[in-house]
């Protein structure tokens, strides 16, 4: 009898402990996760791709500064920066953000392109502070030279296919693609793709027509895959427009089908 009472007391105590622990685990808050660095940390460099707000601040500040509206411009200035007036106000016909480059931590330089009265085009570099998703212009826009365009990369010729039948098949595939792309349906275009999935065609509002093939390069087949570069003539709203496309084709049975195009045609 004595040992039975002892055992019952021990079991009861264990059950009470487990019940109390379960209730505590339910009611207590979960442990805080370890802190991780983010793009907004003070020691992280500014990522221009995630700081589009800086472009807006630079554009609005520059617009109001050039037009002589200093009070409005100050709304886009960083705290502590008191901009002086531009001088004789100019009329701004249009203004856009042209480029952005980081200037170390928490600062970017936004290049702004403005079309002023009398057709004058100017470029200005605007320093903008970026701090924890907050922005502010920290210096006066500086007039800078017009940016120089990049040089086009030299086109590399494809290793030409020596089989004339493959060239004919590639030419036929490209011409069929553009006929369906301009006048066909997504289901028609699907018949030319190896995955048989419908692709979107050009809008009828464009009044697009296929006008012929100007140039085509066909590579040597590799593992039943073909690379095709084509330049064609399309007519858009009655105007002839040259268009360049690249095709990746793959063999399906005894015919070539499109695997991918550049530019890529979206699926339906």
C-alpha atoms as a PDB file:
ATOM      1  CA  UNK A   1       0.000   0.000   0.000  1.00  0.00           C
ATOM      2  CA  UNK A   2       2.820   2.412   0.952  1.00  0.00           C
ATOM      3  CA  UNK A   3       4.720   1.912  -2.322  1.00  0.00           C
ATOM      4  CA  UNK A   4       1.520   2.257  -4.320  1.00  0.00           C
ATOM      5  CA  UNK A   5       0.883   5.655  -2.708  1.00  0.00           C
ATOM      6  CA  UNK A   6       4.488   6.743  -3.403  1.00  0.00           C
ATOM      7  CA  UNK A   7       4.203   5.709  -7.047  1.00  0.00           C
ATOM      8  CA  UNK A   8       0.931   7.605  -7.455  1.00  0.00           C
ATOM      9  CA  UNK A   9       2.484  10.737  -5.912  1.00  0.00           C
ATOM     10  CA  UNK A  10       5.521  10.537  -8.257  1.00  0.00           C
ATOM     11  CA  UNK A  11       3.354  10.010 -11.384  1.00  0.00           C
ATOM     12  CA  UNK A  12       1.074  12.890 -10.385  1.00  0.00           C
ATOM     13  CA  UNK A  13       4.070  15.192  -9.857  1.00  0.00           C
ATOM     14  CA  UNK A  14       5.515  14.280 -13.282  1.00  0.00           C
ATOM     15  CA  UNK A  15       2.185  14.896 -15.021  1.00  0.00           C
ATOM     16  CA  UNK A  16       1.792  18.270 -13.291  1.00  0.00           C
ATOM     17  CA  UNK A  17       5.340  19.266 -14.345  1.00  0.00           C
ATOM     18  CA  UNK A  18       4.768  18.288 -17.984  1.00  0.00           C
ATOM     19  CA  UNK A  19       1.445  20.141 -18.082  1.00  0.00           C
ATOM     20  CA  UNK A  20       3.033  23.288 -16.612  1.00  0.00           C
ATOM     21  CA  UNK A  21       5.943  23.132 -19.075  1.00  0.00           C
ATOM     22  CA  UNK A  22       3.591  22.735 -22.035  1.00  0.00           C
ATOM     23  CA  UNK A  23       1.570  25.745 -20.991  1.00  0.00           C
ATOM     24  CA  UNK A  24       4.755  27.816 -20.599  1.00  0.00           C
ATOM     25  CA  UNK A  25       5.972  26.804 -24.066  1.00  0.00           C
ATOM     26  CA  UNK A  26       2.658  27.864 -25.557  1.00  0.00           C
ATOM     27  CA  UNK A  27       2.395  31.191 -23.758  1.00  0.00           C
ATOM     28  CA  UNK A  28       6.012  32.395 -23.874  1.00  0.00           C
ATOM     29  CA  UNK A  29       7.129  34.418 -26.926  1.00  0.00           C
ATOM     30  CA  UNK A  30       9.387  32.639 -29.445  1.00  0.00           C
ATOM     31  CA  UNK A  31      13.106  33.454 -29.239  1.00  0.00           C
ATOM     32  CA  UNK A  32      14.147  36.397 -31.407  1.00  0.00           C
ATOM     33  CA  UNK A  33      15.959  35.341 -34.604  1.00  0.00           C
ATOM     34  CA  UNK A  34      19.583  36.310 -35.004  1.00  0.00           C
ATOM     35  CA  UNK A  35      20.037  39.669 -36.685  1.00  0.00           C
ATOM     36  CA  UNK A  36      21.085  39.558 -40.331  1.00  0.00           C
ATOM     37  CA  UNK A  37      22.588  42.268 -42.477  1.00  0.00           C
ATOM     38  CA  UNK A  38      20.314  44.020 -44.964  1.00  0.00           C
ATOM     39  CA  UNK A  39      20.751  46.537 -47.751  1.00  0.00           C
ATOM     40  CA  UNK A  40      19.634  49.267 -45.349  1.00  0.00           C
ATOM     41  CA  UNK A  41      22.383  48.654 -42.794  1.00  0.00           C
ATOM     42  CA  UNK A  42      24.587  51.690 -42.343  1.00  0.00           C
ATOM     43  CA  UNK A  43      27.737  49.839 -43.349  1.00  0.00           C
ATOM     44  CA  UNK A  44      26.254  48.358 -46.537  1.00  0.00           C
ATOM     45  CA  UNK A  45      27.006  50.072 -49.884  1.00  0.00           C
ATOM     46  CA  UNK A  46      24.044  51.600 -51.671  1.00  0.00           C
ATOM     47  CA  UNK A  47      22.481  49.326 -54.275  1.00  0.00           C
ATOM     48  CA  UNK A  48      21.226  51.577 -57.098  1.00  0.00           C
ATOM     49  CA  UNK A  49      18.774  48.928 -58.265  1.00  0.00           C
ATOM     50  CA  UNK A  50      16.897  49.138 -54.970  1.00  0.00           C
ATOM     51  CA  UNK A  51      17.112  52.913 -54.668  1.00  0.00           C
ATOM     52  CA  UNK A  52      14.785  54.147 -57.399  1.00  0.00           C
ATOM     53  CA  UNK A  53      13.453  56.732 -54.982  1.00  0.00           C
ATOM     54  CA  UNK A  54      16.766  58.549 -55.351  1.00  0.00           C
ATOM     55  CA  UNK A  55      15.966  59.153 -59.019  1.00  0.00           C
ATOM     56  CA  UNK A  56      12.643  60.766 -58.135  1.00  0.00           C
ATOM     57  CA  UNK A  57      14.263  63.070 -55.584  1.00  0.00           C
ATOM     58  CA  UNK A  58      16.956  64.088 -58.069  1.00  0.00           C
ATOM     59  CA  UNK A  59      14.447  64.748 -60.872  1.00  0.00           C
ATOM     60  CA  UNK A  60      11.979  66.742 -58.765  1.00  0.00           C
ATOM     61  CA  UNK A  61      14.687  68.749 -57.025  1.00  0.00           C
ATOM     62  CA  UNK A  62      16.373  69.624 -60.333  1.00  0.00           C
ATOM     63  CA  UNK A  63      13.085  70.550 -61.997  1.00  0.00           C
ATOM     64  CA  UNK A  64      12.064  72.997 -59.268  1.00  0.00           C
ATOM     65  CA  UNK A  65      15.616  74.327 -58.895  1.00  0.00           C
ATOM     66  CA  UNK A  66      15.935  75.119 -62.614  1.00  0.00           C
ATOM     67  CA  UNK A  67      12.483  76.714 -62.786  1.00  0.00           C
ATOM     68  CA  UNK A  68      13.219  78.975 -59.806  1.00  0.00           C
ATOM     69  CA  UNK A  69      10.779  77.331 -57.369  1.00  0.00           C
ATOM     70  CA  UNK A  70      13.231  77.037 -54.492  1.00  0.00           C
ATOM     71  CA  UNK A  71      10.609  76.327 -51.833  1.00  0.00           C
ATOM     72  CA  UNK A  72       9.418  73.245 -53.715  1.00  0.00           C
ATOM     73  CA  UNK A  73      13.005  72.173 -54.409  1.00  0.00           C
ATOM     74  CA  UNK A  74      13.789  72.247 -50.676  1.00  0.00           C
ATOM     75  CA  UNK A  75      11.149  69.581 -50.093  1.00  0.00           C
ATOM     76  CA  UNK A  76      13.503  67.143 -51.843  1.00  0.00           C
ATOM     77  CA  UNK A  77      16.698  68.332 -50.150  1.00  0.00           C
ATOM     78  CA  UNK A  78      18.324  66.396 -47.321  1.00  0.00           C
ATOM     79  CA  UNK A  79      17.959  67.762 -43.810  1.00  0.00           C
ATOM     80  CA  UNK A  80      20.772  70.254 -43.256  1.00  0.00           C
ATOM     81  CA  UNK A  81      21.265  71.138 -46.927  1.00  0.00           C
ATOM     82  CA  UNK A  82      20.031  74.649 -47.777  1.00  0.00           C
ATOM     83  CA  UNK A  83      20.293  75.063 -51.558  1.00  0.00           C
ATOM     84  CA  UNK A  84      20.925  78.493 -53.065  1.00  0.00           C
ATOM     85  CA  UNK A  85      18.812  79.590 -56.058  1.00  0.00           C
ATOM     86  CA  UNK A  86      19.784  78.623 -59.604  1.00  0.00           C
ATOM     87  CA  UNK A  87      19.706  82.107 -61.067  1.00  0.00           C
ATOM     88  CA  UNK A  88      17.456  83.146 -63.927  1.00  0.00           C
ATOM     89  CA  UNK A  89      14.617  80.583 -63.982  1.00  0.00           C
ATOM     90  CA  UNK A  90      14.375  78.346 -67.037  1.00  0.00           C
ATOM     91  CA  UNK A  91      11.374  76.578 -68.469  1.00  0.00           C
ATOM     92  CA  UNK A  92      11.731  72.787 -68.313  1.00  0.00           C
ATOM     93  CA  UNK A  93       9.928  71.029 -71.169  1.00  0.00           C
ATOM     94  CA  UNK A  94      10.811  67.518 -69.973  1.00  0.00           C
ATOM     95  CA  UNK A  95      13.168  65.911 -67.480  1.00  0.00           C
ATOM     96  CA  UNK A  96      14.152  62.303 -66.780  1.00  0.00           C
ATOM     97  CA  UNK A  97      16.676  60.316 -64.751  1.00  0.00           C
ATOM     98  CA  UNK A  98      19.369  59.174 -67.186  1.00  0.00           C
ATOM     99  CA  UNK A  99      21.864  57.221 -65.096  1.00  0.00           C
ATOM    100  CA  UNK A 100      22.814  56.408 -61.511  1.00  0.00           C
ATOM    101  CA  UNK A 101      26.154  55.539 -59.935  1.00  0.00           C
ATOM    102  CA  UNK A 102      27.038  54.782 -56.308  1.00  0.00           C
ATOM    103  CA  UNK A 103      29.271  57.257 -54.463  1.00  0.00           C
ATOM    104  CA  UNK A 104      30.288  54.995 -51.610  1.00  0.00           C
ATOM    105  CA  UNK A 105      28.053  54.265 -48.645  1.00  0.00           C
ATOM    106  CA  UNK A 106      24.621  55.892 -48.443  1.00  0.00           C
ATOM    107  CA  UNK A 107      25.135  58.148 -51.452  1.00  0.00           C
ATOM    108  CA  UNK A 108      24.498  58.025 -55.183  1.00  0.00           C
ATOM    109  CA  UNK A 109      24.971  60.366 -58.125  1.00  0.00           C
ATOM    110  CA  UNK A 110      21.920  60.580 -60.375  1.00  0.00           C
ATOM    111  CA  UNK A 111      22.451  61.957 -63.871  1.00  0.00           C
ATOM    112  CA  UNK A 112      19.424  63.924 -65.023  1.00  0.00           C
ATOM    113  CA  UNK A 113      18.616  64.880 -68.630  1.00  0.00           C
ATOM    114  CA  UNK A 114      16.518  68.014 -69.052  1.00  0.00           C
ATOM    115  CA  UNK A 115      15.062  69.608 -72.168  1.00  0.00           C
ATOM    116  CA  UNK A 116      14.886  73.352 -71.554  1.00  0.00           C
ATOM    117  CA  UNK A 117      13.250  76.156 -73.457  1.00  0.00           C
ATOM    118  CA  UNK A 118      14.569  76.893 -76.949  1.00  0.00           C
ATOM    119  CA  UNK A 119      15.344  73.179 -77.368  1.00  0.00           C
ATOM    120  CA  UNK A 120      18.468  73.205 -75.183  1.00  0.00           C
ATOM    121  CA  UNK A 121      19.343  69.794 -73.724  1.00  0.00           C
ATOM    122  CA  UNK A 122      21.436  69.682 -70.553  1.00  0.00           C
ATOM    123  CA  UNK A 123      22.768  66.914 -68.326  1.00  0.00           C
ATOM    124  CA  UNK A 124      23.266  67.398 -64.592  1.00  0.00           C
ATOM    125  CA  UNK A 125      24.765  65.187 -61.903  1.00  0.00           C
ATOM    126  CA  UNK A 126      22.766  65.293 -58.661  1.00  0.00           C
ATOM    127  CA  UNK A 127      24.182  63.853 -55.383  1.00  0.00           C
ATOM    128  CA  UNK A 128      21.502  62.102 -53.347  1.00  0.00           C
ATOM    129  CA  UNK A 129      21.764  60.615 -49.865  1.00  0.00           C
ATOM    130  CA  UNK A 130      20.154  57.188 -49.409  1.00  0.00           C
ATOM    131  CA  UNK A 131      19.650  56.074 -45.851  1.00  0.00           C
ATOM    132  CA  UNK A 132      17.276  53.369 -44.706  1.00  0.00           C
ATOM    133  CA  UNK A 133      14.915  53.924 -47.647  1.00  0.00           C
ATOM    134  CA  UNK A 134      14.899  57.683 -47.107  1.00  0.00           C
ATOM    135  CA  UNK A 135      16.315  60.097 -49.654  1.00  0.00           C
ATOM    136  CA  UNK A 136      17.486  63.675 -49.955  1.00  0.00           C
ATOM    137  CA  UNK A 137      19.560  65.794 -52.324  1.00  0.00           C
ATOM    138  CA  UNK A 138      22.790  66.785 -50.578  1.00  0.00           C
ATOM    139  CA  UNK A 139      24.404  69.099 -53.131  1.00  0.00           C
ATOM    140  CA  UNK A 140      23.656  71.331 -56.074  1.00  0.00           C
ATOM    141  CA  UNK A 141      23.141  69.748 -59.507  1.00  0.00           C
ATOM    142  CA  UNK A 142      26.350  69.981 -61.516  1.00  0.00           C
ATOM    143  CA  UNK A 143      26.321  70.472 -65.266  1.00  0.00           C
ATOM    144  CA  UNK A 144      28.172  67.623 -66.947  1.00  0.00           C
ATOM    145  CA  UNK A 145      28.972  66.745 -70.604  1.00  0.00           C
ATOM    146  CA  UNK A 146      26.573  64.679 -72.650  1.00  0.00           C
ATOM    147  CA  UNK A 147      27.201  60.951 -72.030  1.00  0.00           C
ATOM    148  CA  UNK A 148      29.087  59.108 -74.756  1.00  0.00           C
ATOM    149  CA  UNK A 149      27.272  56.077 -76.241  1.00  0.00           C
ATOM    150  CA  UNK A 150      28.895  52.662 -75.878  1.00  0.00           C
ATOM    151  CA  UNK A 151      30.448  50.988 -78.903  1.00  0.00           C
ATOM    152  CA  UNK A 152      28.434  48.168 -80.398  1.00  0.00           C
ATOM    153  CA  UNK A 153      30.104  44.774 -79.914  1.00  0.00           C
ATOM    154  CA  UNK A 154      31.487  43.176 -83.022  1.00  0.00           C
ATOM    155  CA  UNK A 155      29.162  40.533 -84.382  1.00  0.00           C
ATOM    156  CA  UNK A 156      30.654  37.072 -84.577  1.00  0.00           C
ATOM    157  CA  UNK A 157      29.727  35.068 -87.627  1.00  0.00           C
ATOM    158  CA  UNK A 158      28.273  31.633 -87.022  1.00  0.00           C
ATOM    159  CA  UNK A 159      30.194  28.610 -88.280  1.00  0.00           C
ATOM    160  CA  UNK A 160      28.220  28.148 -91.478  1.00  0.00           C
ATOM    161  CA  UNK A 161      26.326  24.955 -92.147  1.00  0.00           C
ATOM    162  CA  UNK A 162      27.579  23.022 -95.162  1.00  0.00           C
ATOM    163  CA  UNK A 163      24.420  21.007 -95.724  1.00  0.00           C
ATOM    164  CA  UNK A 164      22.189  22.894 -98.159  1.00  0.00           C
ATOM    165  CA  UNK A 165      19.090  20.933 -97.087  1.00  0.00           C
ATOM    166  CA  UNK A 166      19.543  22.130 -93.493  1.00  0.00           C
ATOM    167  CA  UNK A 167      19.778  25.729 -94.725  1.00  0.00           C
ATOM    168  CA  UNK A 168      16.577  25.294 -96.717  1.00  0.00           C
ATOM    169  CA  UNK A 169      14.780  23.809 -93.707  1.00  0.00           C
ATOM    170  CA  UNK A 170      16.009  26.645 -91.468  1.00  0.00           C
ATOM    171  CA  UNK A 171      14.874  29.245 -93.997  1.00  0.00           C
ATOM    172  CA  UNK A 172      11.457  27.592 -94.257  1.00  0.00           C
ATOM    173  CA  UNK A 173      11.124  27.501 -90.456  1.00  0.00           C
ATOM    174  CA  UNK A 174      11.981  31.200 -90.115  1.00  0.00           C
ATOM    175  CA  UNK A 175       9.602  32.270 -92.872  1.00  0.00           C
ATOM    176  CA  UNK A 176       6.784  30.154 -91.425  1.00  0.00           C
ATOM    177  CA  UNK A 177       7.418  31.726 -88.026  1.00  0.00           C
ATOM    178  CA  UNK A 178       7.080  35.295 -89.322  1.00  0.00           C
ATOM    179  CA  UNK A 179       3.994  34.515 -91.392  1.00  0.00           C
ATOM    180  CA  UNK A 180       2.233  33.131 -88.335  1.00  0.00           C
ATOM    181  CA  UNK A 181       3.690  35.826 -86.047  1.00  0.00           C
ATOM    182  CA  UNK A 182       2.180  38.580 -88.188  1.00  0.00           C
ATOM    183  CA  UNK A 183      -1.038  37.011 -89.530  1.00  0.00           C
ATOM    184  CA  UNK A 184      -1.617  33.764 -87.642  1.00  0.00           C
ATOM    185  CA  UNK A 185      -2.948  32.726 -84.249  1.00  0.00           C
ATOM    186  CA  UNK A 186      -1.179  31.559 -81.072  1.00  0.00           C
ATOM    187  CA  UNK A 187      -2.260  28.017 -81.934  1.00  0.00           C
ATOM    188  CA  UNK A 188      -0.711  28.329 -85.402  1.00  0.00           C
ATOM    189  CA  UNK A 189       2.556  29.501 -83.840  1.00  0.00           C
ATOM    190  CA  UNK A 190       2.479  26.579 -81.387  1.00  0.00           C
ATOM    191  CA  UNK A 191       2.888  24.153 -84.302  1.00  0.00           C
ATOM    192  CA  UNK A 192       6.370  25.575 -84.936  1.00  0.00           C
ATOM    193  CA  UNK A 193       7.604  25.147 -81.338  1.00  0.00           C
ATOM    194  CA  UNK A 194       9.069  21.973 -79.910  1.00  0.00           C
ATOM    195  CA  UNK A 195       6.992  22.324 -76.711  1.00  0.00           C
ATOM    196  CA  UNK A 196       3.769  22.846 -78.751  1.00  0.00           C
ATOM    197  CA  UNK A 197       2.695  25.683 -76.463  1.00  0.00           C
ATOM    198  CA  UNK A 198       0.840  28.689 -77.950  1.00  0.00           C
ATOM    199  CA  UNK A 199       2.738  31.982 -78.175  1.00  0.00           C
ATOM    200  CA  UNK A 200       1.336  35.452 -78.539  1.00  0.00           C
ATOM    201  CA  UNK A 201       1.266  37.007 -82.008  1.00  0.00           C
ATOM    202  CA  UNK A 202       1.465  40.647 -83.044  1.00  0.00           C
ATOM    203  CA  UNK A 203      -1.616  42.747 -82.441  1.00  0.00           C
ATOM    204  CA  UNK A 204      -3.883  43.190 -85.498  1.00  0.00           C
ATOM    205  CA  UNK A 205      -3.853  46.928 -84.749  1.00  0.00           C
ATOM    206  CA  UNK A 206      -0.250  47.027 -86.045  1.00  0.00           C
ATOM    207  CA  UNK A 207      -1.388  45.787 -89.477  1.00  0.00           C
ATOM    208  CA  UNK A 208       1.828  43.768 -89.598  1.00  0.00           C
ATOM    209  CA  UNK A 209       2.831  41.863 -92.728  1.00  0.00           C
ATOM    210  CA  UNK A 210       5.832  39.692 -93.468  1.00  0.00           C
ATOM    211  CA  UNK A 211       7.828  41.269 -96.279  1.00  0.00           C
ATOM    212  CA  UNK A 212      10.587  38.734 -96.838  1.00  0.00           C
ATOM    213  CA  UNK A 213      13.940  37.498 -95.598  1.00  0.00           C
ATOM    214  CA  UNK A 214      16.904  39.863 -95.992  1.00  0.00           C
ATOM    215  CA  UNK A 215      19.653  37.760 -94.455  1.00  0.00           C
ATOM    216  CA  UNK A 216      20.016  34.441 -92.677  1.00  0.00           C
ATOM    217  CA  UNK A 217      22.921  32.678 -90.966  1.00  0.00           C
ATOM    218  CA  UNK A 218      22.646  29.025 -90.012  1.00  0.00           C
ATOM    219  CA  UNK A 219      25.172  27.284 -87.768  1.00  0.00           C
ATOM    220  CA  UNK A 220      26.442  23.751 -88.032  1.00  0.00           C
ATOM    221  CA  UNK A 221      24.050  21.447 -86.114  1.00  0.00           C
ATOM    222  CA  UNK A 222      25.346  20.331 -82.723  1.00  0.00           C
ATOM    223  CA  UNK A 223      23.600  17.484 -80.928  1.00  0.00           C
ATOM    224  CA  UNK A 224      20.480  18.041 -83.029  1.00  0.00           C
ATOM    225  CA  UNK A 225      20.377  21.763 -82.183  1.00  0.00           C
ATOM    226  CA  UNK A 226      20.619  24.661 -84.603  1.00  0.00           C
ATOM    227  CA  UNK A 227      21.417  28.351 -84.141  1.00  0.00           C
ATOM    228  CA  UNK A 228      19.805  30.709 -86.666  1.00  0.00           C
ATOM    229  CA  UNK A 229      20.266  34.473 -87.009  1.00  0.00           C
ATOM    230  CA  UNK A 230      17.823  36.175 -89.352  1.00  0.00           C
ATOM    231  CA  UNK A 231      17.014  39.668 -90.514  1.00  0.00           C
ATOM    232  CA  UNK A 232      13.633  40.170 -92.125  1.00  0.00           C
ATOM    233  CA  UNK A 233      11.406  42.943 -93.444  1.00  0.00           C
ATOM    234  CA  UNK A 234       8.090  43.545 -91.764  1.00  0.00           C
ATOM    235  CA  UNK A 235       5.510  46.120 -92.747  1.00  0.00           C
ATOM    236  CA  UNK A 236       4.010  47.913 -89.733  1.00  0.00           C
ATOM    237  CA  UNK A 237       1.125  50.286 -90.440  1.00  0.00           C
ATOM    238  CA  UNK A 238       2.243  50.430 -94.065  1.00  0.00           C
ATOM    239  CA  UNK A 239       5.886  51.242 -93.249  1.00  0.00           C
ATOM    240  CA  UNK A 240       8.751  48.814 -93.962  1.00  0.00           C
ATOM    241  CA  UNK A 241      10.661  47.992 -90.772  1.00  0.00           C
ATOM    242  CA  UNK A 242      13.749  45.717 -90.569  1.00  0.00           C
ATOM    243  CA  UNK A 243      13.696  43.221 -87.690  1.00  0.00           C
ATOM    244  CA  UNK A 244      16.419  40.936 -86.328  1.00  0.00           C
ATOM    245  CA  UNK A 245      15.706  37.650 -84.538  1.00  0.00           C
ATOM    246  CA  UNK A 246      17.720  34.730 -83.248  1.00  0.00           C
ATOM    247  CA  UNK A 247      16.364  31.186 -83.161  1.00  0.00           C
ATOM    248  CA  UNK A 248      17.411  28.106 -81.261  1.00  0.00           C
ATOM    249  CA  UNK A 249      15.937  25.110 -83.043  1.00  0.00           C
ATOM    250  CA  UNK A 250      16.014  21.403 -82.209  1.00  0.00           C
ATOM    251  CA  UNK A 251      15.401  18.315 -84.269  1.00  0.00           C
ATOM    252  CA  UNK A 252      12.077  16.574 -83.772  1.00  0.00           C
ATOM    253  CA  UNK A 253      11.832  13.502 -85.950  1.00  0.00           C
ATOM    254  CA  UNK A 254      12.667  14.655 -89.453  1.00  0.00           C
ATOM    255  CA  UNK A 255      11.953  18.384 -88.966  1.00  0.00           C
ATOM    256  CA  UNK A 256      13.369  21.355 -87.105  1.00  0.00           C
ATOM    257  CA  UNK A 257      11.214  23.067 -84.469  1.00  0.00           C
ATOM    258  CA  UNK A 258      11.825  26.256 -82.499  1.00  0.00           C
ATOM    259  CA  UNK A 259      13.107  25.834 -78.969  1.00  0.00           C
ATOM    260  CA  UNK A 260      13.632  29.525 -78.182  1.00  0.00           C
ATOM    261  CA  UNK A 261      13.747  32.931 -79.858  1.00  0.00           C
ATOM    262  CA  UNK A 262      15.578  36.145 -79.005  1.00  0.00           C
ATOM    263  CA  UNK A 263      13.650  38.301 -78.320  1.00  0.00           C
ATOM    264  CA  UNK A 264      11.526  35.725 -76.539  1.00  0.00           C
ATOM    265  CA  UNK A 265       7.857  35.490 -77.504  1.00  0.00           C
ATOM    266  CA  UNK A 266       5.614  35.262 -74.399  1.00  0.00           C
ATOM    267  CA  UNK A 267       3.321  32.275 -74.003  1.00  0.00           C
ATOM    268  CA  UNK A 268      -0.428  32.638 -74.036  1.00  0.00           C
END
